[in-house]
Amino acid sequence: MTGFWRIVVIVLLLANSAILVMRSLQPEPEPLPEAPPPDPAVPEAELVADAYRRETVSGPRCFTIGPLATLVQQRRAEDRLRPFADRIRMRTTQADRDRGWWVFVVAPSRSGAIELARQLAERGAEDYFVVADGDLPDAVSLGLFEDVENARRRRASIQRMGFDAQLSVRREKIPQFWIDYQIDPGTRSPWRFILRASPGARNFQIPCF
C-alpha cells in the first residue's frame, strides 16, 4: 500500500507541474480598451425617484393647467388644487376656432340682400337668412357645414340656380381657461385627476409668478 500511495503522489505532482508549464506558455491576454469619455450632448440616465428628490429640494415649483373648456372646469380645478397649492392664479385667454364651412351670397346693399333672399325663395331655395351683422352684413347665408363636401354640394346647387354662391371657413373667438399654481418642495398636486376630467388640457411647469 505504501508503494501505491507513493505512485499517486508522484502522478499528482507531475500533473500540477504540467499545468504550470502549459499556463506559462500561453500568451498573456490583451488589456480591455478603456471606455470613451461620455458625450456631453447625450443626457445621463437617472432614476425617476432621484430626479423627483432633487426637484423637490430645489424650492417652490409653479405649474399651469389648461386650456380648460369652461369656467366650471376651471373652478373645479381650483377646488382640487386649493388644499395643496400655496398660490393660485386664474386666467383666461382667447383662441380661434373653426366653426365650419359657410355658404353665402353677397349682395351690394341691405335692400339688395332682401331682394336676393326673395329671388332664392322663388327658385326653391330653403334654409337661408339675411345676415344682420358680422363681416358681411349684406350677405345671404345659405348654411354652415362641418363637412366641406356638404358645403360644396350646397354651393353647387345654389350656383345652378344662377346665383354666385361662395364658400369660406367661419372662425370665432372662444375663451380658454387656465389655472396657475405654486406648490412647496415635497408636495404633489392632484393634477392627473383634473386632466382626466378635462380632455385636451395639459399640466406643465412654468416660471413662478
Protein backbone atom coordinates (compact mmCIF):
# COMPACT_ATOMS: atom_id res chain seq x y z
CA MET A 1 0.00 0.00 0.00
CA THR A 2 2.84 2.37 0.73
CA GLY A 3 4.15 1.98 -2.80
CA PHE A 4 0.68 2.65 -4.26
CA TRP A 5 0.24 5.99 -2.45
CA ARG A 6 3.75 6.96 -3.39
CA ILE A 7 2.81 6.47 -7.06
CA VAL A 8 -0.38 8.56 -6.60
CA VAL A 9 1.56 11.44 -5.07
CA ILE A 10 4.12 11.35 -7.88
CA VAL A 11 1.34 11.39 -10.52
CA LEU A 12 -0.36 14.42 -8.89
CA LEU A 13 2.93 16.29 -8.70
CA LEU A 14 3.64 15.58 -12.35
CA ALA A 15 0.11 16.72 -13.34
CA ASN A 16 0.44 20.02 -11.45
CA SER A 17 3.85 20.62 -12.98
CA ALA A 18 2.40 20.05 -16.45
CA ILE A 19 -0.45 22.54 -15.81
CA LEU A 20 2.01 25.19 -14.62
CA VAL A 21 4.17 24.69 -17.70
CA MET A 22 1.16 24.98 -20.05
CA ARG A 23 -0.03 28.21 -18.38
CA SER A 24 3.43 29.72 -18.62
CA LEU A 25 3.50 29.01 -22.36
CA GLN A 26 0.10 30.71 -23.06
CA PRO A 27 0.26 34.40 -24.22
CA GLU A 28 -1.00 37.00 -21.76
CA PRO A 29 -4.50 38.38 -22.61
CA GLU A 30 -4.65 41.85 -24.13
CA PRO A 31 -5.94 44.53 -21.75
CA LEU A 32 -9.53 45.67 -22.31
CA PRO A 33 -9.86 49.02 -24.08
CA GLU A 34 -10.75 51.97 -21.89
CA ALA A 35 -14.29 53.32 -22.13
CA PRO A 36 -14.55 56.50 -24.24
CA PRO A 37 -15.35 59.71 -22.37
CA PRO A 38 -19.11 60.47 -22.14
CA ASP A 39 -20.63 62.66 -24.86
CA PRO A 40 -21.80 65.92 -23.25
CA ALA A 41 -24.66 66.11 -25.76
CA VAL A 42 -26.20 62.86 -24.50
CA PRO A 43 -28.24 63.23 -21.27
CA GLU A 44 -27.27 60.92 -18.46
CA ALA A 45 -29.80 58.34 -17.33
CA GLU A 46 -31.10 58.70 -13.82
CA LEU A 47 -33.71 57.10 -11.64
CA VAL A 48 -37.09 58.79 -11.54
CA ALA A 49 -37.02 58.79 -7.75
CA ASP A 50 -33.65 60.57 -7.75
CA ALA A 51 -34.90 63.17 -10.21
CA TYR A 52 -38.01 63.83 -8.14
CA ARG A 53 -35.97 64.02 -4.93
CA ARG A 54 -33.60 66.57 -6.45
CA GLU A 55 -36.53 68.55 -7.84
CA THR A 56 -38.33 68.72 -4.53
CA VAL A 57 -35.38 70.21 -2.70
CA SER A 58 -34.78 72.97 -5.25
CA GLY A 59 -37.53 75.25 -3.98
CA PRO A 60 -41.16 76.05 -4.84
CA ARG A 61 -42.38 74.97 -8.23
CA CYS A 62 -45.07 76.52 -10.40
CA PHE A 63 -47.30 74.84 -12.95
CA THR A 64 -50.23 75.66 -15.18
CA ILE A 65 -53.19 73.51 -16.19
CA GLY A 66 -55.12 74.20 -19.36
CA PRO A 67 -56.68 75.02 -21.62
CA LEU A 68 -59.91 74.20 -19.81
CA ALA A 69 -63.05 74.45 -21.91
CA THR A 70 -65.41 76.07 -19.39
CA LEU A 71 -65.40 78.26 -16.33
CA VAL A 72 -66.94 75.37 -14.41
CA GLN A 73 -63.90 73.18 -15.15
CA GLN A 74 -61.62 75.98 -14.00
CA ARG A 75 -63.49 76.32 -10.70
CA ARG A 76 -63.42 72.57 -10.12
CA ALA A 77 -59.67 72.52 -10.77
CA GLU A 78 -59.23 75.33 -8.25
CA ASP A 79 -61.19 73.37 -5.64
CA ARG A 80 -58.94 70.33 -6.13
CA LEU A 81 -55.71 72.31 -6.04
CA ARG A 82 -56.54 74.65 -3.18
CA PRO A 83 -55.53 72.23 -0.34
CA PHE A 84 -52.12 71.57 -1.96
CA ALA A 85 -51.13 74.91 -3.51
CA ASP A 86 -49.59 77.93 -1.81
CA ARG A 87 -50.65 80.29 -4.56
CA ILE A 88 -53.30 80.01 -7.27
CA ARG A 89 -53.93 82.33 -10.21
CA MET A 90 -56.89 82.11 -12.59
CA ARG A 91 -56.59 83.50 -16.09
CA THR A 92 -58.39 83.45 -19.44
CA THR A 93 -57.05 83.60 -22.99
CA GLN A 94 -58.70 83.80 -26.41
CA ALA A 95 -58.28 81.26 -29.20
CA ASP A 96 -59.55 80.95 -32.75
CA ARG A 97 -61.82 78.02 -33.55
CA ASP A 98 -63.15 76.90 -36.90
CA ARG A 99 -66.94 76.76 -36.78
CA GLY A 100 -67.33 75.15 -40.17
CA TRP A 101 -67.70 75.87 -43.87
CA TRP A 102 -70.05 78.75 -44.71
CA VAL A 103 -72.00 79.04 -47.96
CA PHE A 104 -73.29 82.53 -48.77
CA VAL A 105 -74.18 85.01 -51.49
CA VAL A 106 -73.03 88.62 -51.26
CA ALA A 107 -75.46 91.46 -52.08
CA PRO A 108 -74.46 95.09 -52.86
CA SER A 109 -76.64 96.54 -50.09
CA ARG A 110 -79.15 95.73 -47.39
CA SER A 111 -82.05 96.16 -49.73
CA GLY A 112 -80.19 94.07 -52.30
CA ALA A 113 -79.79 91.27 -49.74
CA ILE A 114 -83.53 91.30 -49.07
CA GLU A 115 -84.27 91.16 -52.79
CA LEU A 116 -81.75 88.33 -53.19
CA ALA A 117 -83.49 86.36 -50.46
CA ARG A 118 -86.82 86.81 -52.30
CA GLN A 119 -85.29 85.51 -55.53
CA LEU A 120 -83.85 82.49 -53.73
CA ALA A 121 -87.28 81.68 -52.34
CA GLU A 122 -88.86 81.95 -55.79
CA ARG A 123 -86.36 79.44 -57.20
CA GLY A 124 -86.97 76.92 -54.46
CA ALA A 125 -84.00 77.54 -52.13
CA GLU A 126 -84.52 76.72 -48.47
CA ASP A 127 -82.63 77.29 -45.19
CA TYR A 128 -81.32 80.80 -45.84
CA PHE A 129 -81.40 84.11 -43.99
CA VAL A 130 -80.19 87.66 -44.43
CA VAL A 131 -77.10 88.35 -42.34
CA ALA A 132 -77.70 91.14 -39.85
CA ASP A 133 -74.13 91.73 -38.66
CA GLY A 134 -70.58 90.42 -38.96
CA ASP A 135 -68.00 90.86 -41.68
CA LEU A 136 -70.62 90.65 -44.46
CA PRO A 137 -73.79 92.35 -43.19
CA ASP A 138 -75.32 92.48 -46.68
CA ALA A 139 -74.94 88.75 -47.42
CA VAL A 140 -77.49 85.97 -47.54
CA SER A 141 -76.38 82.93 -45.56
CA LEU A 142 -77.12 79.54 -47.09
CA GLY A 143 -75.80 77.28 -44.36
CA LEU A 144 -72.88 76.40 -42.11
CA PHE A 145 -71.48 72.87 -42.56
CA GLU A 146 -68.97 70.80 -40.61
CA ASP A 147 -68.21 68.66 -43.68
CA VAL A 148 -66.64 70.56 -46.58
CA GLU A 149 -68.17 68.15 -49.12
CA ASN A 150 -71.67 69.00 -47.88
CA ALA A 151 -70.80 72.68 -48.18
CA ARG A 152 -69.58 72.21 -51.74
CA ARG A 153 -72.76 70.40 -52.73
CA ARG A 154 -74.83 73.22 -51.23
CA ARG A 155 -72.80 75.83 -53.12
CA ALA A 156 -73.15 73.90 -56.38
CA SER A 157 -76.93 73.64 -56.01
CA ILE A 158 -77.24 77.41 -55.45
CA GLN A 159 -74.92 78.12 -58.37
CA ARG A 160 -77.14 76.01 -60.64
CA MET A 161 -79.97 78.39 -59.75
CA GLY A 162 -77.89 81.22 -61.21
CA PHE A 163 -76.51 82.78 -58.02
CA ASP A 164 -72.85 83.48 -57.27
CA ALA A 165 -72.60 81.30 -54.15
CA GLN A 166 -69.27 81.40 -52.29
CA LEU A 167 -67.58 79.21 -49.72
CA SER A 168 -65.33 80.19 -46.81
CA VAL A 169 -64.23 78.98 -43.38
CA ARG A 170 -66.01 80.62 -40.46
CA ARG A 171 -63.90 81.24 -37.36
CA GLU A 172 -64.82 82.53 -33.96
CA LYS A 173 -63.06 83.61 -30.79
CA ILE A 174 -63.54 81.29 -27.85
CA PRO A 175 -62.32 81.68 -24.27
CA GLN A 176 -59.81 79.25 -22.83
CA PHE A 177 -59.45 78.94 -19.09
CA TRP A 178 -56.19 78.30 -17.23
CA ILE A 179 -55.16 77.85 -13.62
CA ASP A 180 -51.59 78.55 -12.42
CA TYR A 181 -50.46 77.21 -9.07
CA GLN A 182 -47.39 77.03 -6.85
CA ILE A 183 -46.51 74.12 -4.57
CA ASP A 184 -43.86 73.65 -1.91
CA PRO A 185 -40.96 71.17 -2.16
CA GLY A 186 -42.11 67.62 -1.48
CA THR A 187 -45.76 68.38 -2.28
CA ARG A 188 -47.57 66.63 -5.09
CA SER A 189 -50.71 68.06 -6.64
CA PRO A 190 -53.75 66.11 -7.93
CA TRP A 191 -53.26 67.37 -11.48
CA ARG A 192 -53.83 63.92 -13.01
CA PHE A 193 -57.41 63.87 -11.70
CA ILE A 194 -58.03 67.29 -13.24
CA LEU A 195 -56.75 66.20 -16.65
CA ARG A 196 -58.96 63.11 -16.62
CA ALA A 197 -62.00 65.36 -16.24
CA SER A 198 -60.76 67.87 -18.85
CA PRO A 199 -59.79 66.18 -22.14
CA GLY A 200 -57.31 68.23 -24.13
CA ALA A 201 -55.82 70.01 -21.11
CA ARG A 202 -52.17 69.65 -20.06
CA ASN A 203 -50.14 70.24 -16.91
CA PHE A 204 -46.66 71.70 -17.38
CA GLN A 205 -44.13 73.71 -15.40
CA ILE A 206 -43.85 77.48 -15.79
CA PRO A 207 -41.75 80.21 -14.17
CA CYS A 208 -43.14 81.11 -10.78
CA PHE A 209 -45.42 84.12 -10.76
